[in-house]
Structure formats: C-alpha cells, structure tokens
N, C-alpha and C. Protein backbone atom coordinates (compact mmCIF):
# COMPACT_ATOMS: atom_id res chain seq x y z
N MET A 1 39.26 83.16 -100.96
CA MET A 1 39.24 84.20 -101.97
C MET A 1 40.36 83.96 -102.98
N THR A 2 40.06 84.32 -104.19
CA THR A 2 41.04 84.20 -105.25
C THR A 2 40.96 85.43 -106.15
N THR A 3 42.11 85.89 -106.62
CA THR A 3 42.14 87.01 -107.56
C THR A 3 42.73 86.51 -108.87
N THR A 4 42.00 86.73 -109.95
CA THR A 4 42.44 86.32 -111.28
C THR A 4 42.53 87.56 -112.15
N THR A 5 43.57 87.62 -112.96
CA THR A 5 43.75 88.74 -113.88
C THR A 5 43.43 88.30 -115.29
N TYR A 6 42.55 89.05 -115.94
CA TYR A 6 42.15 88.79 -117.32
C TYR A 6 42.62 89.95 -118.19
N SER A 7 42.90 89.66 -119.44
CA SER A 7 43.28 90.70 -120.40
C SER A 7 42.06 91.02 -121.25
N VAL A 8 41.72 92.31 -121.29
CA VAL A 8 40.54 92.74 -122.04
C VAL A 8 40.96 93.83 -123.02
N SER A 9 40.54 93.68 -124.26
CA SER A 9 40.89 94.68 -125.28
C SER A 9 39.68 95.51 -125.65
N GLY A 10 39.96 96.73 -126.11
CA GLY A 10 38.92 97.60 -126.62
C GLY A 10 38.49 98.73 -125.70
N MET A 11 38.90 98.70 -124.44
CA MET A 11 38.49 99.77 -123.53
C MET A 11 39.35 101.01 -123.75
N THR A 12 38.70 102.19 -123.68
CA THR A 12 39.44 103.43 -123.92
C THR A 12 39.26 104.50 -122.85
N CYS A 13 38.26 104.30 -121.94
CA CYS A 13 37.95 105.38 -121.01
C CYS A 13 37.30 104.85 -119.73
N ALA A 14 36.99 105.76 -118.82
CA ALA A 14 36.36 105.40 -117.55
C ALA A 14 34.98 104.76 -117.76
N HIS A 15 34.25 105.20 -118.76
CA HIS A 15 32.95 104.60 -119.04
C HIS A 15 33.12 103.13 -119.41
N CYS A 16 34.16 102.82 -120.17
CA CYS A 16 34.44 101.44 -120.56
C CYS A 16 34.71 100.58 -119.32
N THR A 17 35.56 101.09 -118.44
CA THR A 17 35.89 100.32 -117.24
C THR A 17 34.66 100.14 -116.36
N SER A 18 33.80 101.13 -116.32
CA SER A 18 32.57 101.05 -115.54
C SER A 18 31.66 99.95 -116.10
N ALA A 19 31.53 99.88 -117.41
CA ALA A 19 30.68 98.87 -118.04
C ALA A 19 31.19 97.46 -117.76
N VAL A 20 32.49 97.26 -117.88
CA VAL A 20 33.07 95.95 -117.63
C VAL A 20 32.93 95.59 -116.15
N THR A 21 33.21 96.54 -115.28
CA THR A 21 33.08 96.29 -113.84
C THR A 21 31.64 95.91 -113.49
N GLU A 22 30.69 96.61 -114.05
CA GLU A 22 29.27 96.33 -113.76
C GLU A 22 28.89 94.91 -114.18
N GLU A 23 29.28 94.51 -115.38
CA GLU A 23 28.92 93.17 -115.87
C GLU A 23 29.62 92.07 -115.08
N LEU A 24 30.90 92.25 -114.79
CA LEU A 24 31.63 91.23 -114.04
C LEU A 24 31.11 91.12 -112.61
N SER A 25 30.69 92.22 -112.03
CA SER A 25 30.18 92.22 -110.66
C SER A 25 28.88 91.43 -110.52
N LYS A 26 28.20 91.19 -111.62
CA LYS A 26 26.96 90.42 -111.61
C LYS A 26 27.21 88.92 -111.47
N LEU A 27 28.45 88.48 -111.73
CA LEU A 27 28.75 87.06 -111.64
C LEU A 27 28.73 86.61 -110.19
N VAL A 28 28.18 85.44 -109.95
CA VAL A 28 28.07 84.90 -108.59
C VAL A 28 29.46 84.71 -107.99
N GLY A 29 29.64 85.26 -106.78
CA GLY A 29 30.89 85.10 -106.06
C GLY A 29 31.88 86.23 -106.22
N VAL A 30 31.65 87.12 -107.18
CA VAL A 30 32.59 88.22 -107.41
C VAL A 30 32.49 89.23 -106.27
N GLN A 31 33.63 89.53 -105.67
CA GLN A 31 33.71 90.47 -104.55
C GLN A 31 34.21 91.85 -104.97
N ASP A 32 35.14 91.87 -105.94
CA ASP A 32 35.77 93.13 -106.33
C ASP A 32 36.31 93.03 -107.75
N VAL A 33 36.27 94.14 -108.46
CA VAL A 33 36.84 94.23 -109.81
C VAL A 33 37.65 95.51 -109.86
N THR A 34 38.92 95.40 -110.25
CA THR A 34 39.75 96.59 -110.48
C THR A 34 40.36 96.45 -111.87
N ILE A 35 40.55 97.59 -112.52
CA ILE A 35 41.04 97.58 -113.90
C ILE A 35 42.20 98.54 -114.06
N ASP A 36 43.28 98.04 -114.65
CA ASP A 36 44.42 98.87 -115.04
C ASP A 36 44.20 99.21 -116.51
N LEU A 37 43.60 100.38 -116.77
CA LEU A 37 43.22 100.76 -118.13
C LEU A 37 44.43 101.10 -118.98
N VAL A 38 44.49 100.49 -120.16
CA VAL A 38 45.45 100.84 -121.19
C VAL A 38 44.60 101.25 -122.39
N ALA A 39 44.35 102.54 -122.51
CA ALA A 39 43.44 103.05 -123.53
C ALA A 39 43.85 102.59 -124.92
N GLY A 40 42.94 101.90 -125.58
CA GLY A 40 43.19 101.42 -126.93
C GLY A 40 44.05 100.18 -127.01
N GLY A 41 44.52 99.70 -125.86
CA GLY A 41 45.36 98.50 -125.83
C GLY A 41 44.68 97.38 -125.08
N THR A 42 45.48 96.56 -124.43
CA THR A 42 44.95 95.46 -123.64
C THR A 42 45.06 95.82 -122.17
N SER A 43 43.92 95.92 -121.51
CA SER A 43 43.87 96.31 -120.10
C SER A 43 43.84 95.08 -119.21
N ALA A 44 44.44 95.21 -118.02
CA ALA A 44 44.43 94.13 -117.03
C ALA A 44 43.22 94.31 -116.13
N VAL A 45 42.39 93.27 -116.07
CA VAL A 45 41.18 93.30 -115.25
C VAL A 45 41.37 92.29 -114.13
N HIS A 46 41.42 92.78 -112.89
CA HIS A 46 41.65 91.93 -111.72
C HIS A 46 40.31 91.66 -111.06
N VAL A 47 39.95 90.38 -110.97
CA VAL A 47 38.66 89.99 -110.39
C VAL A 47 38.91 89.16 -109.14
N THR A 48 38.41 89.64 -108.01
CA THR A 48 38.51 88.90 -106.76
C THR A 48 37.16 88.24 -106.52
N SER A 49 37.22 86.92 -106.30
CA SER A 49 35.99 86.16 -106.13
C SER A 49 36.16 85.10 -105.04
N GLU A 50 35.03 84.55 -104.61
CA GLU A 50 35.05 83.54 -103.56
C GLU A 50 35.79 82.29 -104.01
N SER A 51 35.68 81.95 -105.29
CA SER A 51 36.37 80.81 -105.86
C SER A 51 36.64 81.11 -107.34
N ALA A 52 37.38 80.23 -107.98
CA ALA A 52 37.71 80.44 -109.39
C ALA A 52 36.44 80.55 -110.23
N LEU A 53 36.44 81.46 -111.18
CA LEU A 53 35.28 81.68 -112.05
C LEU A 53 35.43 80.88 -113.34
N ASP A 54 34.31 80.50 -113.90
CA ASP A 54 34.29 79.83 -115.18
C ASP A 54 34.67 80.86 -116.26
N GLU A 55 35.71 80.56 -117.04
CA GLU A 55 36.19 81.53 -118.01
C GLU A 55 35.12 81.88 -119.05
N SER A 56 34.27 80.94 -119.40
CA SER A 56 33.23 81.24 -120.39
C SER A 56 32.24 82.26 -119.82
N ALA A 57 31.97 82.21 -118.52
CA ALA A 57 31.07 83.19 -117.89
C ALA A 57 31.72 84.57 -117.89
N VAL A 58 33.03 84.61 -117.63
CA VAL A 58 33.77 85.87 -117.64
C VAL A 58 33.77 86.44 -119.06
N ARG A 59 34.03 85.58 -120.03
CA ARG A 59 34.05 86.01 -121.45
C ARG A 59 32.69 86.58 -121.85
N GLU A 60 31.62 85.91 -121.43
CA GLU A 60 30.26 86.36 -121.75
C GLU A 60 29.97 87.72 -121.12
N ALA A 61 30.39 87.92 -119.87
CA ALA A 61 30.16 89.19 -119.18
C ALA A 61 30.91 90.33 -119.87
N VAL A 62 32.16 90.07 -120.24
CA VAL A 62 32.96 91.08 -120.92
C VAL A 62 32.35 91.40 -122.29
N ASP A 63 31.89 90.36 -122.98
CA ASP A 63 31.24 90.55 -124.28
C ASP A 63 29.97 91.38 -124.13
N GLU A 64 29.20 91.11 -123.08
CA GLU A 64 27.96 91.86 -122.83
C GLU A 64 28.26 93.35 -122.63
N ALA A 65 29.42 93.64 -122.05
CA ALA A 65 29.82 95.03 -121.83
C ALA A 65 30.31 95.68 -123.13
N GLY A 66 30.57 94.85 -124.14
CA GLY A 66 30.99 95.38 -125.44
C GLY A 66 32.48 95.29 -125.72
N TYR A 67 33.16 94.43 -124.98
CA TYR A 67 34.62 94.33 -125.13
C TYR A 67 35.00 92.88 -125.33
N GLU A 68 36.30 92.62 -125.49
CA GLU A 68 36.75 91.28 -125.80
C GLU A 68 37.79 90.78 -124.82
N LEU A 69 37.54 89.59 -124.30
CA LEU A 69 38.50 88.93 -123.43
C LEU A 69 39.59 88.36 -124.32
N ALA A 70 40.83 88.75 -124.07
CA ALA A 70 41.94 88.27 -124.89
C ALA A 70 42.18 86.79 -124.60
N ALA A 71 42.70 86.07 -125.56
CA ALA A 71 42.99 84.65 -125.39
C ALA A 71 43.96 84.45 -124.24
N SER A 72 43.69 83.41 -123.48
CA SER A 72 44.58 83.13 -122.34
C SER A 72 45.63 82.13 -122.68
C-alpha cells in the first residue's frame, strides 16, 4: 500500500470533496481517499492505493470532477 498526497484547487464544500472522492475511487487500486479541505484554496487529497498511481490518470479523474490538480 502507498499513500500519495495531491494538491487540488477549486474545492469549496463537502459536495466538492464528495465529487473528487467519487472520481478518484474509480481508479484501479484505490483503497481510500481523504481530503483536507481548504475552501477556495489548495486542498490536500490523500489517496491510498495498492501501488503508485499514474499522475495523468489522477489528473483526469480530478478534472472529471470539475477541479484542478495543482502542478507537482
């Protein structure tokens, strides 16, 4: 298991975190998603998965939810 923290901008509420969690949970191998919401700022998104995830897949999932993965 590995936990990676991503920075996501644009989230402002519980609905936002729910949307991001839902999309990231669809990725193969993802076991858990927790989010430290910073409304209107850059939130920390912690993703626990069986192995390291492809960053482009994570970026696509976050984009599908309507938010932006900050540059790493």
